[in-house]
């Protein structure tokens, strides 16, 4: 799964470490119904 996320970051010209650290910081306060907002292509 992580390989897919990192590949998706590369395709979308997103720094993988930046995306991962941002997503992990936002998860605790994020609604489970809106988790798609944390996917690499939505977190620009």
Protein backbone atom coordinates (compact mmCIF):
# COMPACT_ATOMS: atom_id res chain seq x y z
CA UNK A 1 0.00 0.00 0.00
CA UNK A 2 2.80 2.43 0.88
CA UNK A 3 4.48 1.73 -2.45
CA UNK A 4 1.24 2.70 -4.21
CA UNK A 5 0.97 5.93 -2.21
CA UNK A 6 4.59 6.83 -2.97
CA UNK A 7 4.07 6.07 -6.66
CA UNK A 8 0.97 8.24 -6.67
CA UNK A 9 2.95 11.07 -5.11
CA UNK A 10 5.55 10.76 -7.85
CA UNK A 11 2.93 10.81 -10.60
CA UNK A 12 1.32 13.93 -9.11
CA UNK A 13 4.65 15.73 -8.47
CA UNK A 14 4.17 15.67 -4.71
CA UNK A 15 7.05 15.25 -2.25
CA UNK A 16 6.28 11.87 -0.59
CA UNK A 17 7.76 12.72 2.82
CA UNK A 18 5.90 16.03 2.95
CA UNK A 19 2.60 14.35 2.02
CA UNK A 20 3.07 11.53 4.53
CA UNK A 21 4.00 13.81 7.41
CA UNK A 22 1.09 16.17 6.64
CA UNK A 23 -1.41 13.32 6.33
CA UNK A 24 -0.24 11.65 9.56
CA UNK A 25 -0.51 14.95 11.46
CA UNK A 26 -4.06 15.54 10.20
CA UNK A 27 -5.48 12.03 10.74
CA UNK A 28 -6.29 12.36 14.49
CA UNK A 29 -8.53 15.40 13.94
CA UNK A 30 -9.99 14.31 10.61
CA UNK A 31 -13.44 12.83 10.12
CA UNK A 32 -13.47 9.23 8.90
CA UNK A 33 -16.08 10.19 6.29
CA UNK A 34 -13.59 12.64 4.73
CA UNK A 35 -10.44 10.50 4.65
CA UNK A 36 -10.24 10.83 0.85
CA UNK A 37 -9.18 14.44 1.44
CA UNK A 38 -5.86 13.10 2.78
CA UNK A 39 -4.98 11.17 -0.36
CA UNK A 40 -1.94 12.50 -2.25
CA UNK A 41 -3.86 13.97 -5.18
CA UNK A 42 -6.25 15.85 -2.85
CA UNK A 43 -3.64 17.25 -0.47
CA UNK A 44 -1.94 19.83 -2.69
